[in-house]
PDB file of N, CA and C in Angstrom:
ATOM      1  N   UNK A   1      22.908   7.865  23.538  1.00  0.00           N
ATOM      2  CA  UNK A   1      22.738   7.540  24.949  1.00  0.00           C
ATOM      3  C   UNK A   1      22.485   6.056  25.081  1.00  0.00           C
ATOM      4  N   UNK A   2      23.332   5.379  25.810  1.00  0.00           N
ATOM      5  CA  UNK A   2      23.179   3.948  26.005  1.00  0.00           C
ATOM      6  C   UNK A   2      23.165   3.661  27.488  1.00  0.00           C
ATOM      7  N   UNK A   3      22.029   3.181  27.973  1.00  0.00           N
ATOM      8  CA  UNK A   3      21.911   2.895  29.401  1.00  0.00           C
ATOM      9  C   UNK A   3      21.752   1.408  29.669  1.00  0.00           C
ATOM     10  N   UNK A   4      21.728   0.591  28.607  1.00  0.00           N
ATOM     11  CA  UNK A   4      21.490  -0.845  28.740  1.00  0.00           C
ATOM     12  C   UNK A   4      20.131  -1.120  29.366  1.00  0.00           C
ATOM     13  N   UNK A   5      19.198  -0.236  29.149  1.00  0.00           N
ATOM     14  CA  UNK A   5      17.831  -0.415  29.608  1.00  0.00           C
ATOM     15  C   UNK A   5      16.943  -0.143  28.396  1.00  0.00           C
ATOM     16  N   UNK A   6      16.433  -1.205  27.805  1.00  0.00           N
ATOM     17  CA  UNK A   6      15.704  -1.115  26.542  1.00  0.00           C
ATOM     18  C   UNK A   6      14.584  -0.076  26.585  1.00  0.00           C
ATOM     19  N   UNK A   7      13.739  -0.138  27.597  1.00  0.00           N
ATOM     20  CA  UNK A   7      12.590   0.768  27.620  1.00  0.00           C
ATOM     21  C   UNK A   7      13.016   2.213  27.893  1.00  0.00           C
ATOM     22  N   UNK A   8      14.036   2.394  28.713  1.00  0.00           N
ATOM     23  CA  UNK A   8      14.542   3.753  28.951  1.00  0.00           C
ATOM     24  C   UNK A   8      15.118   4.330  27.656  1.00  0.00           C
ATOM     25  N   UNK A   9      15.868   3.511  26.926  1.00  0.00           N
ATOM     26  CA  UNK A   9      16.438   3.970  25.656  1.00  0.00           C
ATOM     27  C   UNK A   9      15.352   4.265  24.625  1.00  0.00           C
ATOM     28  N   UNK A  10      14.390   3.346  24.497  1.00  0.00           N
ATOM     29  CA  UNK A  10      13.324   3.508  23.510  1.00  0.00           C
ATOM     30  C   UNK A  10      12.482   4.755  23.794  1.00  0.00           C
ATOM     31  N   UNK A  11      12.149   4.970  25.064  1.00  0.00           N
ATOM     32  CA  UNK A  11      11.304   6.117  25.386  1.00  0.00           C
ATOM     33  C   UNK A  11      12.061   7.432  25.247  1.00  0.00           C
ATOM     34  N   UNK A  12      13.366   7.408  25.513  1.00  0.00           N
ATOM     35  CA  UNK A  12      14.175   8.615  25.308  1.00  0.00           C
ATOM     36  C   UNK A  12      14.231   8.964  23.827  1.00  0.00           C
ATOM     37  N   UNK A  13      14.541   7.974  22.992  1.00  0.00           N
ATOM     38  CA  UNK A  13      14.614   8.207  21.547  1.00  0.00           C
ATOM     39  C   UNK A  13      13.253   8.616  20.992  1.00  0.00           C
ATOM     40  N   UNK A  14      12.189   8.025  21.524  1.00  0.00           N
ATOM     41  CA  UNK A  14      10.843   8.395  21.088  1.00  0.00           C
ATOM     42  C   UNK A  14      10.560   9.849  21.447  1.00  0.00           C
ATOM     43  N   UNK A  15      10.958  10.268  22.625  1.00  0.00           N
ATOM     44  CA  UNK A  15      10.760  11.663  23.044  1.00  0.00           C
ATOM     45  C   UNK A  15      11.480  12.617  22.087  1.00  0.00           C
ATOM     46  N   UNK A  16      12.674  12.250  21.686  1.00  0.00           N
ATOM     47  CA  UNK A  16      13.422  13.080  20.719  1.00  0.00           C
ATOM     48  C   UNK A  16      12.639  13.182  19.414  1.00  0.00           C
ATOM     49  N   UNK A  17      12.094  12.058  18.957  1.00  0.00           N
ATOM     50  CA  UNK A  17      11.339  12.083  17.703  1.00  0.00           C
ATOM     51  C   UNK A  17      10.051  12.897  17.848  1.00  0.00           C
ATOM     52  N   UNK A  18       9.433  12.861  19.013  1.00  0.00           N
ATOM     53  CA  UNK A  18       8.226  13.655  19.260  1.00  0.00           C
ATOM     54  C   UNK A  18       8.562  15.148  19.254  1.00  0.00           C
ATOM     55  N   UNK A  19       9.709  15.507  19.800  1.00  0.00           N
ATOM     56  CA  UNK A  19      10.137  16.910  19.768  1.00  0.00           C
ATOM     57  C   UNK A  19      10.311  17.374  18.323  1.00  0.00           C
ATOM     58  N   UNK A  20      10.885  16.526  17.494  1.00  0.00           N
ATOM     59  CA  UNK A  20      11.044  16.872  16.073  1.00  0.00           C
ATOM     60  C   UNK A  20       9.685  17.016  15.383  1.00  0.00           C
ATOM     61  N   UNK A  21       8.767  16.090  15.682  1.00  0.00           N
ATOM     62  CA  UNK A  21       7.420  16.169  15.110  1.00  0.00           C
ATOM     63  C   UNK A  21       6.722  17.446  15.573  1.00  0.00           C
ATOM     64  N   UNK A  22       6.868  17.762  16.842  1.00  0.00           N
ATOM     65  CA  UNK A  22       6.296  18.988  17.406  1.00  0.00           C
ATOM     66  C   UNK A  22       6.782  20.212  16.618  1.00  0.00           C
ATOM     67  N   UNK A  23       8.066  20.261  16.352  1.00  0.00           N
ATOM     68  CA  UNK A  23       8.648  21.379  15.609  1.00  0.00           C
ATOM     69  C   UNK A  23       8.047  21.470  14.207  1.00  0.00           C
ATOM     70  N   UNK A  24       7.919  20.320  13.552  1.00  0.00           N
ATOM     71  CA  UNK A  24       7.313  20.305  12.215  1.00  0.00           C
ATOM     72  C   UNK A  24       5.870  20.803  12.265  1.00  0.00           C
ATOM     73  N   UNK A  25       5.123  20.322  13.247  1.00  0.00           N
ATOM     74  CA  UNK A  25       3.726  20.733  13.364  1.00  0.00           C
ATOM     75  C   UNK A  25       3.601  22.219  13.680  1.00  0.00           C
ATOM     76  N   UNK A  26       4.472  22.722  14.524  1.00  0.00           N
ATOM     77  CA  UNK A  26       4.466  24.155  14.828  1.00  0.00           C
ATOM     78  C   UNK A  26       4.751  24.971  13.571  1.00  0.00           C
ATOM     79  N   UNK A  27       5.687  24.490  12.749  1.00  0.00           N
ATOM     80  CA  UNK A  27       6.006  25.181  11.495  1.00  0.00           C
ATOM     81  C   UNK A  27       4.805  25.212  10.550  1.00  0.00           C
ATOM     82  N   UNK A  28       3.927  24.211  10.673  1.00  0.00           N
ATOM     83  CA  UNK A  28       2.713  24.161   9.856  1.00  0.00           C
ATOM     84  C   UNK A  28       1.540  24.864  10.542  1.00  0.00           C
ATOM     85  N   UNK A  29       1.828  25.547  11.632  1.00  0.00           N
ATOM     86  CA  UNK A  29       0.820  26.304  12.390  1.00  0.00           C
ATOM     87  C   UNK A  29      -0.218  25.415  13.059  1.00  0.00           C
ATOM     88  N   UNK A  30       0.172  24.194  13.426  1.00  0.00           N
ATOM     89  CA  UNK A  30      -0.717  23.310  14.177  1.00  0.00           C
ATOM     90  C   UNK A  30      -0.261  23.384  15.628  1.00  0.00           C
ATOM     91  N   UNK A  31      -1.082  23.992  16.479  1.00  0.00           N
ATOM     92  CA  UNK A  31      -0.654  24.290  17.836  1.00  0.00           C
ATOM     93  C   UNK A  31      -1.333  23.457  18.919  1.00  0.00           C
ATOM     94  N   UNK A  32      -2.513  22.942  18.659  1.00  0.00           N
ATOM     95  CA  UNK A  32      -3.271  22.242  19.703  1.00  0.00           C
ATOM     96  C   UNK A  32      -2.770  20.806  19.887  1.00  0.00           C
ATOM     97  N   UNK A  33      -2.879  20.002  18.845  1.00  0.00           N
ATOM     98  CA  UNK A  33      -2.468  18.594  18.946  1.00  0.00           C
ATOM     99  C   UNK A  33      -0.969  18.502  19.197  1.00  0.00           C
ATOM    100  N   UNK A  34      -0.202  19.387  18.589  1.00  0.00           N
ATOM    101  CA  UNK A  34       1.249  19.341  18.767  1.00  0.00           C
ATOM    102  C   UNK A  34       1.637  19.511  20.234  1.00  0.00           C
ATOM    103  N   UNK A  35       0.954  20.419  20.941  1.00  0.00           N
ATOM    104  CA  UNK A  35       1.265  20.618  22.361  1.00  0.00           C
ATOM    105  C   UNK A  35       0.875  19.408  23.196  1.00  0.00           C
ATOM    106  N   UNK A  36      -0.262  18.803  22.867  1.00  0.00           N
ATOM    107  CA  UNK A  36      -0.686  17.596  23.585  1.00  0.00           C
ATOM    108  C   UNK A  36       0.328  16.473  23.371  1.00  0.00           C
ATOM    109  N   UNK A  37       0.769  16.311  22.130  1.00  0.00           N
ATOM    110  CA  UNK A  37       1.769  15.280  21.811  1.00  0.00           C
ATOM    111  C   UNK A  37       3.089  15.538  22.534  1.00  0.00           C
ATOM    112  N   UNK A  38       3.492  16.785  22.563  1.00  0.00           N
ATOM    113  CA  UNK A  38       4.745  17.141  23.226  1.00  0.00           C
ATOM    114  C   UNK A  38       4.687  16.768  24.702  1.00  0.00           C
ATOM    115  N   UNK A  39       3.583  17.074  25.352  1.00  0.00           N
ATOM    116  CA  UNK A  39       3.448  16.799  26.788  1.00  0.00           C
ATOM    117  C   UNK A  39       3.472  15.298  27.086  1.00  0.00           C
ATOM    118  N   UNK A  40       2.561  14.566  26.451  1.00  0.00           N
ATOM    119  CA  UNK A  40       2.461  13.140  26.802  1.00  0.00           C
ATOM    120  C   UNK A  40       3.578  12.317  26.165  1.00  0.00           C
ATOM    121  N   UNK A  41       3.996  12.679  24.959  1.00  0.00           N
ATOM    122  CA  UNK A  41       5.039  11.912  24.273  1.00  0.00           C
ATOM    123  C   UNK A  41       6.396  11.986  24.935  1.00  0.00           C
ATOM    124  N   UNK A  42       6.669  13.105  25.593  1.00  0.00           N
ATOM    125  CA  UNK A  42       7.959  13.229  26.286  1.00  0.00           C
ATOM    126  C   UNK A  42       7.871  12.763  27.741  1.00  0.00           C
ATOM    127  N   UNK A  43       6.669  12.723  28.286  1.00  0.00           N
ATOM    128  CA  UNK A  43       6.548  12.317  29.689  1.00  0.00           C
ATOM    129  C   UNK A  43       6.641  10.803  29.883  1.00  0.00           C
ATOM    130  N   UNK A  44       6.478  10.038  28.813  1.00  0.00           N
ATOM    131  CA  UNK A  44       6.609   8.579  28.930  1.00  0.00           C
ATOM    132  C   UNK A  44       7.985   8.240  29.495  1.00  0.00           C
ATOM    133  N   UNK A  45       9.014   8.741  28.852  1.00  0.00           N
ATOM    134  CA  UNK A  45      10.388   8.469  29.281  1.00  0.00           C
ATOM    135  C   UNK A  45      10.693   9.033  30.651  1.00  0.00           C
ATOM    136  N   UNK A  46      10.132  10.191  30.961  1.00  0.00           N
ATOM    137  CA  UNK A  46      10.357  10.774  32.288  1.00  0.00           C
ATOM    138  C   UNK A  46       9.795   9.864  33.372  1.00  0.00           C
ATOM    139  N   UNK A  47       8.635   9.283  33.131  1.00  0.00           N
ATOM    140  CA  UNK A  47       8.048   8.362  34.106  1.00  0.00           C
ATOM    141  C   UNK A  47       8.812   7.054  34.183  1.00  0.00           C
ATOM    142  N   UNK A  48       9.347   6.600  33.068  1.00  0.00           N
ATOM    143  CA  UNK A  48      10.197   5.400  33.087  1.00  0.00           C
ATOM    144  C   UNK A  48      11.442   5.670  33.926  1.00  0.00           C
ATOM    145  N   UNK A  49      12.036   6.839  33.757  1.00  0.00           N
ATOM    146  CA  UNK A  49      13.214   7.204  34.557  1.00  0.00           C
ATOM    147  C   UNK A  49      12.874   7.247  36.046  1.00  0.00           C
ATOM    148  N   UNK A  50      11.707   7.789  36.374  1.00  0.00           N
ATOM    149  CA  UNK A  50      11.282   7.806  37.775  1.00  0.00           C
ATOM    150  C   UNK A  50      11.093   6.384  38.289  1.00  0.00           C
ATOM    151  N   UNK A  51      10.542   5.511  37.450  1.00  0.00           N
ATOM    152  CA  UNK A  51      10.335   4.113  37.853  1.00  0.00           C
ATOM    153  C   UNK A  51      11.665   3.423  38.146  1.00  0.00           C
ATOM    154  N   UNK A  52      12.671   3.731  37.357  1.00  0.00           N
ATOM    155  CA  UNK A  52      13.990   3.122  37.560  1.00  0.00           C
ATOM    156  C   UNK A  52      14.531   3.470  38.947  1.00  0.00           C
ATOM    157  N   UNK A  53      14.187   4.654  39.430  1.00  0.00           N
ATOM    158  CA  UNK A  53      14.653   5.101  40.749  1.00  0.00           C
ATOM    159  C   UNK A  53      13.597   4.881  41.834  1.00  0.00           C
ATOM    160  N   UNK A  54      12.648   3.994  41.585  1.00  0.00           N
ATOM    161  CA  UNK A  54      11.551   3.765  42.525  1.00  0.00           C
ATOM    162  C   UNK A  54      12.061   3.307  43.889  1.00  0.00           C
ATOM    163  N   UNK A  55      11.293   3.646  44.906  1.00  0.00           N
ATOM    164  CA  UNK A  55      11.655   3.305  46.279  1.00  0.00           C
ATOM    165  C   UNK A  55      11.178   1.913  46.678  1.00  0.00           C
ATOM    166  N   UNK A  56      10.264   1.369  45.903  1.00  0.00           N
ATOM    167  CA  UNK A  56       9.751   0.029  46.197  1.00  0.00           C
ATOM    168  C   UNK A  56       9.199  -0.569  44.908  1.00  0.00           C
ATOM    169  N   UNK A  57       8.872  -1.843  44.963  1.00  0.00           N
ATOM    170  CA  UNK A  57       8.286  -2.504  43.805  1.00  0.00           C
ATOM    171  C   UNK A  57       6.928  -1.887  43.465  1.00  0.00           C
ATOM    172  N   UNK A  58       6.156  -1.551  44.482  1.00  0.00           N
ATOM    173  CA  UNK A  58       4.851  -0.915  44.254  1.00  0.00           C
ATOM    174  C   UNK A  58       5.022   0.466  43.614  1.00  0.00           C
ATOM    175  N   UNK A  59       6.016   1.203  44.072  1.00  0.00           N
ATOM    176  CA  UNK A  59       6.305   2.517  43.489  1.00  0.00           C
ATOM    177  C   UNK A  59       6.717   2.350  42.029  1.00  0.00           C
ATOM    178  N   UNK A  60       7.533   1.336  41.751  1.00  0.00           N
ATOM    179  CA  UNK A  60       7.962   1.030  40.379  1.00  0.00           C
ATOM    180  C   UNK A  60       6.742   0.764  39.493  1.00  0.00           C
ATOM    181  N   UNK A  61       5.847  -0.092  39.971  1.00  0.00           N
ATOM    182  CA  UNK A  61       4.645  -0.430  39.198  1.00  0.00           C
ATOM    183  C   UNK A  61       3.796   0.814  38.968  1.00  0.00           C
ATOM    184  N   UNK A  62       3.668   1.631  39.997  1.00  0.00           N
ATOM    185  CA  UNK A  62       2.881   2.865  39.876  1.00  0.00           C
ATOM    186  C   UNK A  62       3.462   3.785  38.803  1.00  0.00           C
ATOM    187  N   UNK A  63       4.758   4.011  38.835  1.00  0.00           N
ATOM    188  CA  UNK A  63       5.394   4.914  37.858  1.00  0.00           C
ATOM    189  C   UNK A  63       5.318   4.339  36.442  1.00  0.00           C
ATOM    190  N   UNK A  64       5.511   3.031  36.320  1.00  0.00           N
ATOM    191  CA  UNK A  64       5.423   2.409  34.997  1.00  0.00           C
ATOM    192  C   UNK A  64       3.981   2.442  34.486  1.00  0.00           C
ATOM    193  N   UNK A  65       3.023   2.350  35.387  1.00  0.00           N
ATOM    194  CA  UNK A  65       1.615   2.445  34.994  1.00  0.00           C
ATOM    195  C   UNK A  65       1.300   3.844  34.468  1.00  0.00           C
ATOM    196  N   UNK A  66       1.877   4.853  35.082  1.00  0.00           N
ATOM    197  CA  UNK A  66       1.710   6.220  34.588  1.00  0.00           C
ATOM    198  C   UNK A  66       2.341   6.347  33.202  1.00  0.00           C
ATOM    199  N   UNK A  67       3.521   5.763  33.019  1.00  0.00           N
ATOM    200  CA  UNK A  67       4.170   5.778  31.700  1.00  0.00           C
ATOM    201  C   UNK A  67       3.270   5.111  30.663  1.00  0.00           C
ATOM    202  N   UNK A  68       2.614   4.026  31.053  1.00  0.00           N
ATOM    203  CA  UNK A  68       1.697   3.323  30.162  1.00  0.00           C
ATOM    204  C   UNK A  68       0.524   4.221  29.758  1.00  0.00           C
ATOM    205  N   UNK A  69      -0.031   4.930  30.729  1.00  0.00           N
ATOM    206  CA  UNK A  69      -1.146   5.840  30.436  1.00  0.00           C
ATOM    207  C   UNK A  69      -0.711   6.953  29.490  1.00  0.00           C
ATOM    208  N   UNK A  70       0.469   7.491  29.727  1.00  0.00           N
ATOM    209  CA  UNK A  70       0.984   8.556  28.858  1.00  0.00           C
ATOM    210  C   UNK A  70       1.225   8.027  27.443  1.00  0.00           C
ATOM    211  N   UNK A  71       1.703   6.798  27.349  1.00  0.00           N
ATOM    212  CA  UNK A  71       1.940   6.188  26.034  1.00  0.00           C
ATOM    213  C   UNK A  71       0.623   6.004  25.284  1.00  0.00           C
ATOM    214  N   UNK A  72      -0.397   5.564  26.012  1.00  0.00           N
ATOM    215  CA  UNK A  72      -1.702   5.377  25.381  1.00  0.00           C
ATOM    216  C   UNK A  72      -2.317   6.714  24.961  1.00  0.00           C
ATOM    217  N   UNK A  73      -2.108   7.739  25.769  1.00  0.00           N
ATOM    218  CA  UNK A  73      -2.587   9.068  25.376  1.00  0.00           C
ATOM    219  C   UNK A  73      -1.842   9.548  24.134  1.00  0.00           C
ATOM    220  N   UNK A  74      -0.558   9.301  24.076  1.00  0.00           N
ATOM    221  CA  UNK A  74       0.238   9.669  22.903  1.00  0.00           C
ATOM    222  C   UNK A  74      -0.302   8.973  21.663  1.00  0.00           C
ATOM    223  N   UNK A  75      -0.608   7.692  21.803  1.00  0.00           N
ATOM    224  CA  UNK A  75      -1.163   6.937  20.673  1.00  0.00           C
ATOM    225  C   UNK A  75      -2.475   7.573  20.208  1.00  0.00           C
ATOM    226  N   UNK A  76      -3.306   7.979  21.152  1.00  0.00           N
ATOM    227  CA  UNK A  76      -4.571   8.627  20.808  1.00  0.00           C
ATOM    228  C   UNK A  76      -4.335   9.879  19.958  1.00  0.00           C
ATOM    229  N   UNK A  77      -3.450  10.765  20.420  1.00  0.00           N
ATOM    230  CA  UNK A  77      -3.203  12.010  19.694  1.00  0.00           C
ATOM    231  C   UNK A  77      -2.580  11.739  18.332  1.00  0.00           C
ATOM    232  N   UNK A  78      -1.714  10.729  18.245  1.00  0.00           N
ATOM    233  CA  UNK A  78      -1.126  10.376  16.945  1.00  0.00           C
ATOM    234  C   UNK A  78      -2.193   9.859  15.987  1.00  0.00           C
ATOM    235  N   UNK A  79      -3.089   9.030  16.499  1.00  0.00           N
ATOM    236  CA  UNK A  79      -4.184   8.521  15.664  1.00  0.00           C
ATOM    237  C   UNK A  79      -5.078   9.661  15.198  1.00  0.00           C
ATOM    238  N   UNK A  80      -5.373  10.584  16.093  1.00  0.00           N
ATOM    239  CA  UNK A  80      -6.194  11.737  15.746  1.00  0.00           C
ATOM    240  C   UNK A  80      -5.513  12.574  14.667  1.00  0.00           C
ATOM    241  N   UNK A  81      -4.238  12.796  14.836  1.00  0.00           N
ATOM    242  CA  UNK A  81      -3.471  13.548  13.845  1.00  0.00           C
ATOM    243  C   UNK A  81      -3.472  12.820  12.501  1.00  0.00           C
ATOM    244  N   UNK A  82      -3.351  11.514  12.544  1.00  0.00           N
ATOM    245  CA  UNK A  82      -3.313  10.694  11.332  1.00  0.00           C
ATOM    246  C   UNK A  82      -4.638  10.748  10.569  1.00  0.00           C
ATOM    247  N   UNK A  83      -5.744  10.686  11.293  1.00  0.00           N
ATOM    248  CA  UNK A  83      -7.062  10.621  10.645  1.00  0.00           C
ATOM    249  C   UNK A  83      -7.657  11.987  10.312  1.00  0.00           C
ATOM    250  N   UNK A  84      -7.115  13.032  10.895  1.00  0.00           N
ATOM    251  CA  UNK A  84      -7.607  14.372  10.591  1.00  0.00           C
ATOM    252  C   UNK A  84      -6.909  14.899   9.343  1.00  0.00           C
ATOM    253  N   UNK A  85      -7.345  16.025   8.899  1.00  0.00           N
ATOM    254  CA  UNK A  85      -6.711  16.653   7.733  1.00  0.00           C
ATOM    255  C   UNK A  85      -5.879  17.855   8.164  1.00  0.00           C
ATOM    256  N   UNK A  86      -5.416  17.821   9.392  1.00  0.00           N
ATOM    257  CA  UNK A  86      -4.660  18.941   9.949  1.00  0.00           C
ATOM    258  C   UNK A  86      -3.291  19.077   9.289  1.00  0.00           C
ATOM    259  N   UNK A  87      -2.680  17.959   8.936  1.00  0.00           N
ATOM    260  CA  UNK A  87      -1.342  17.977   8.351  1.00  0.00           C
ATOM    261  C   UNK A  87      -1.192  16.811   7.383  1.00  0.00           C
ATOM    262  N   UNK A  88      -0.193  16.914   6.531  1.00  0.00           N
ATOM    263  CA  UNK A  88       0.120  15.825   5.611  1.00  0.00           C
ATOM    264  C   UNK A  88       1.328  15.021   6.113  1.00  0.00           C
ATOM    265  N   UNK A  89       1.831  15.369   7.268  1.00  0.00           N
ATOM    266  CA  UNK A  89       2.967  14.656   7.844  1.00  0.00           C
ATOM    267  C   UNK A  89       2.522  13.243   8.204  1.00  0.00           C
ATOM    268  N   UNK A  90       3.273  12.267   7.746  1.00  0.00           N
ATOM    269  CA  UNK A  90       2.955  10.872   8.062  1.00  0.00           C
ATOM    270  C   UNK A  90       3.373  10.557   9.496  1.00  0.00           C
ATOM    271  N   UNK A  91       2.466   9.938  10.243  1.00  0.00           N
ATOM    272  CA  UNK A  91       2.782   9.541  11.616  1.00  0.00           C
ATOM    273  C   UNK A  91       2.828   8.017  11.757  1.00  0.00           C
ATOM    274  N   UNK A  92       2.878   7.308  10.633  1.00  0.00           N
ATOM    275  CA  UNK A  92       2.897   5.842  10.661  1.00  0.00           C
ATOM    276  C   UNK A  92       4.039   5.288  11.510  1.00  0.00           C
ATOM    277  N   UNK A  93       5.231   5.824  11.347  1.00  0.00           N
ATOM    278  CA  UNK A  93       6.382   5.334  12.123  1.00  0.00           C
ATOM    279  C   UNK A  93       6.210   5.605  13.613  1.00  0.00           C
ATOM    280  N   UNK A  94       5.622   6.738  13.945  1.00  0.00           N
ATOM    281  CA  UNK A  94       5.368   7.076  15.348  1.00  0.00           C
ATOM    282  C   UNK A  94       4.349   6.107  15.948  1.00  0.00           C
ATOM    283  N   UNK A  95       3.316   5.790  15.168  1.00  0.00           N
ATOM    284  CA  UNK A  95       2.299   4.851  15.641  1.00  0.00           C
ATOM    285  C   UNK A  95       2.871   3.456  15.856  1.00  0.00           C
ATOM    286  N   UNK A  96       3.746   3.044  14.954  1.00  0.00           N
ATOM    287  CA  UNK A  96       4.399   1.744  15.109  1.00  0.00           C
ATOM    288  C   UNK A  96       5.254   1.724  16.366  1.00  0.00           C
ATOM    289  N   UNK A  97       6.041   2.764  16.548  1.00  0.00           N
ATOM    290  CA  UNK A  97       6.945   2.817  17.704  1.00  0.00           C
ATOM    291  C   UNK A  97       6.182   2.905  19.019  1.00  0.00           C
ATOM    292  N   UNK A  98       5.123   3.700  19.069  1.00  0.00           N
ATOM    293  CA  UNK A  98       4.376   3.814  20.317  1.00  0.00           C
ATOM    294  C   UNK A  98       3.673   2.491  20.617  1.00  0.00           C
ATOM    295  N   UNK A  99       3.286   1.756  19.587  1.00  0.00           N
ATOM    296  CA  UNK A  99       2.720   0.417  19.794  1.00  0.00           C
ATOM    297  C   UNK A  99       3.716  -0.504  20.461  1.00  0.00           C
ATOM    298  N   UNK A 100       4.976  -0.465  20.006  1.00  0.00           N
ATOM    299  CA  UNK A 100       6.038  -1.281  20.624  1.00  0.00           C
ATOM    300  C   UNK A 100       6.254  -0.870  22.081  1.00  0.00           C
ATOM    301  N   UNK A 101       6.299   0.421  22.306  1.00  0.00           N
ATOM    302  CA  UNK A 101       6.525   0.939  23.659  1.00  0.00           C
ATOM    303  C   UNK A 101       5.395   0.507  24.588  1.00  0.00           C
ATOM    304  N   UNK A 102       4.159   0.630  24.138  1.00  0.00           N
ATOM    305  CA  UNK A 102       3.009   0.210  24.952  1.00  0.00           C
ATOM    306  C   UNK A 102       3.114  -1.272  25.293  1.00  0.00           C
ATOM    307  N   UNK A 103       3.458  -2.090  24.303  1.00  0.00           N
ATOM    308  CA  UNK A 103       3.587  -3.530  24.543  1.00  0.00           C
ATOM    309  C   UNK A 103       4.659  -3.845  25.586  1.00  0.00           C
ATOM    310  N   UNK A 104       5.797  -3.185  25.490  1.00  0.00           N
ATOM    311  CA  UNK A 104       6.893  -3.429  26.429  1.00  0.00           C
ATOM    312  C   UNK A 104       6.494  -2.993  27.840  1.00  0.00           C
ATOM    313  N   UNK A 105       5.953  -1.798  27.962  1.00  0.00           N
ATOM    314  CA  UNK A 105       5.571  -1.293  29.284  1.00  0.00           C
ATOM    315  C   UNK A 105       4.473  -2.164  29.901  1.00  0.00           C
ATOM    316  N   UNK A 106       3.514  -2.572  29.095  1.00  0.00           N
ATOM    317  CA  UNK A 106       2.442  -3.449  29.595  1.00  0.00           C
ATOM    318  C   UNK A 106       3.019  -4.743  30.132  1.00  0.00           C
ATOM    319  N   UNK A 107       3.963  -5.319  29.419  1.00  0.00           N
ATOM    320  CA  UNK A 107       4.607  -6.562  29.862  1.00  0.00           C
ATOM    321  C   UNK A 107       5.382  -6.337  31.159  1.00  0.00           C
ATOM    322  N   UNK A 108       6.084  -5.222  31.256  1.00  0.00           N
ATOM    323  CA  UNK A 108       6.837  -4.898  32.467  1.00  0.00           C
ATOM    324  C   UNK A 108       5.896  -4.787  33.666  1.00  0.00           C
ATOM    325  N   UNK A 109       4.784  -4.070  33.482  1.00  0.00           N
ATOM    326  CA  UNK A 109       3.833  -3.883  34.581  1.00  0.00           C
ATOM    327  C   UNK A 109       3.220  -5.215  34.991  1.00  0.00           C
ATOM    328  N   UNK A 110       2.781  -6.007  34.026  1.00  0.00           N
ATOM    329  CA  UNK A 110       2.160  -7.305  34.339  1.00  0.00           C
ATOM    330  C   UNK A 110       3.137  -8.237  35.046  1.00  0.00           C
ATOM    331  N   UNK A 111       4.352  -8.314  34.548  1.00  0.00           N
ATOM    332  CA  UNK A 111       5.366  -9.174  35.166  1.00  0.00           C
ATOM    333  C   UNK A 111       5.676  -8.701  36.576  1.00  0.00           C
ATOM    334  N   UNK A 112       5.799  -7.406  36.758  1.00  0.00           N
ATOM    335  CA  UNK A 112       6.082  -6.848  38.091  1.00  0.00           C
ATOM    336  C   UNK A 112       4.932  -7.122  39.050  1.00  0.00           C
ATOM    337  N   UNK A 113       3.713  -7.003  38.572  1.00  0.00           N
ATOM    338  CA  UNK A 113       2.542  -7.295  39.429  1.00  0.00           C
ATOM    339  C   UNK A 113       2.494  -8.765  39.812  1.00  0.00           C
ATOM    340  N   UNK A 114       2.873  -9.641  38.891  1.00  0.00           N
ATOM    341  CA  UNK A 114       2.907 -11.074  39.192  1.00  0.00           C
ATOM    342  C   UNK A 114       3.941 -11.375  40.271  1.00  0.00           C
ATOM    343  N   UNK A 115       5.095 -10.719  40.185  1.00  0.00           N
ATOM    344  CA  UNK A 115       6.161 -10.941  41.174  1.00  0.00           C
ATOM    345  C   UNK A 115       5.783 -10.420  42.545  1.00  0.00           C
ATOM    346  N   UNK A 116       5.009  -9.359  42.580  1.00  0.00           N
ATOM    347  CA  UNK A 116       4.597  -8.780  43.866  1.00  0.00           C
ATOM    348  C   UNK A 116       3.522  -9.657  44.524  1.00  0.00           C
ATOM    349  N   UNK A 117       2.769 -10.383  43.694  1.00  0.00           N
ATOM    350  CA  UNK A 117       1.696 -11.238  44.207  1.00  0.00           C
ATOM    351  C   UNK A 117       2.237 -12.519  44.837  1.00  0.00           C
ATOM    352  N   UNK A 118       3.444 -12.898  44.472  1.00  0.00           N
ATOM    353  CA  UNK A 118       4.016 -14.164  44.961  1.00  0.00           C
ATOM    354  C   UNK A 118       4.577 -14.033  46.349  1.00  0.00           C
TER     355      UNK A 118
END
C-alpha cells in the first residue's frame, strides 16, 4: 500500500506487525496484554486516517493527538511485555518503530499547532 503519506504508511504497516504479534502472543496463551496491544496498536493508523479526512485544522490536530496517545499507550504495553516474563518474543523492533511513529506524530501536531497560532 503506497499512499505517499509517510505517517499513514508507517502506521498501517505497524498495525500489520501488531496483528502478527497478537497472533503469536495468542498462540502462547497470552490474552491480556495481547488484546491491549491489538486495540491501541491498530488504532494509531485509524486515527491518522481520520486526521487525513479532517474537516478543519483543529479537527486534524485533535485526531493526530488521539493517534499520539494511542501510540504512547502502545509503547507502554510493549515495554511491559518486554520487561515481564510473559513471553520470550522480542519486542525490540516494535519499540524502535513505535518510537519513530511517536516522534513523527509529535512533530506533526506541534507544527500544526504552530501554524494555527499564526
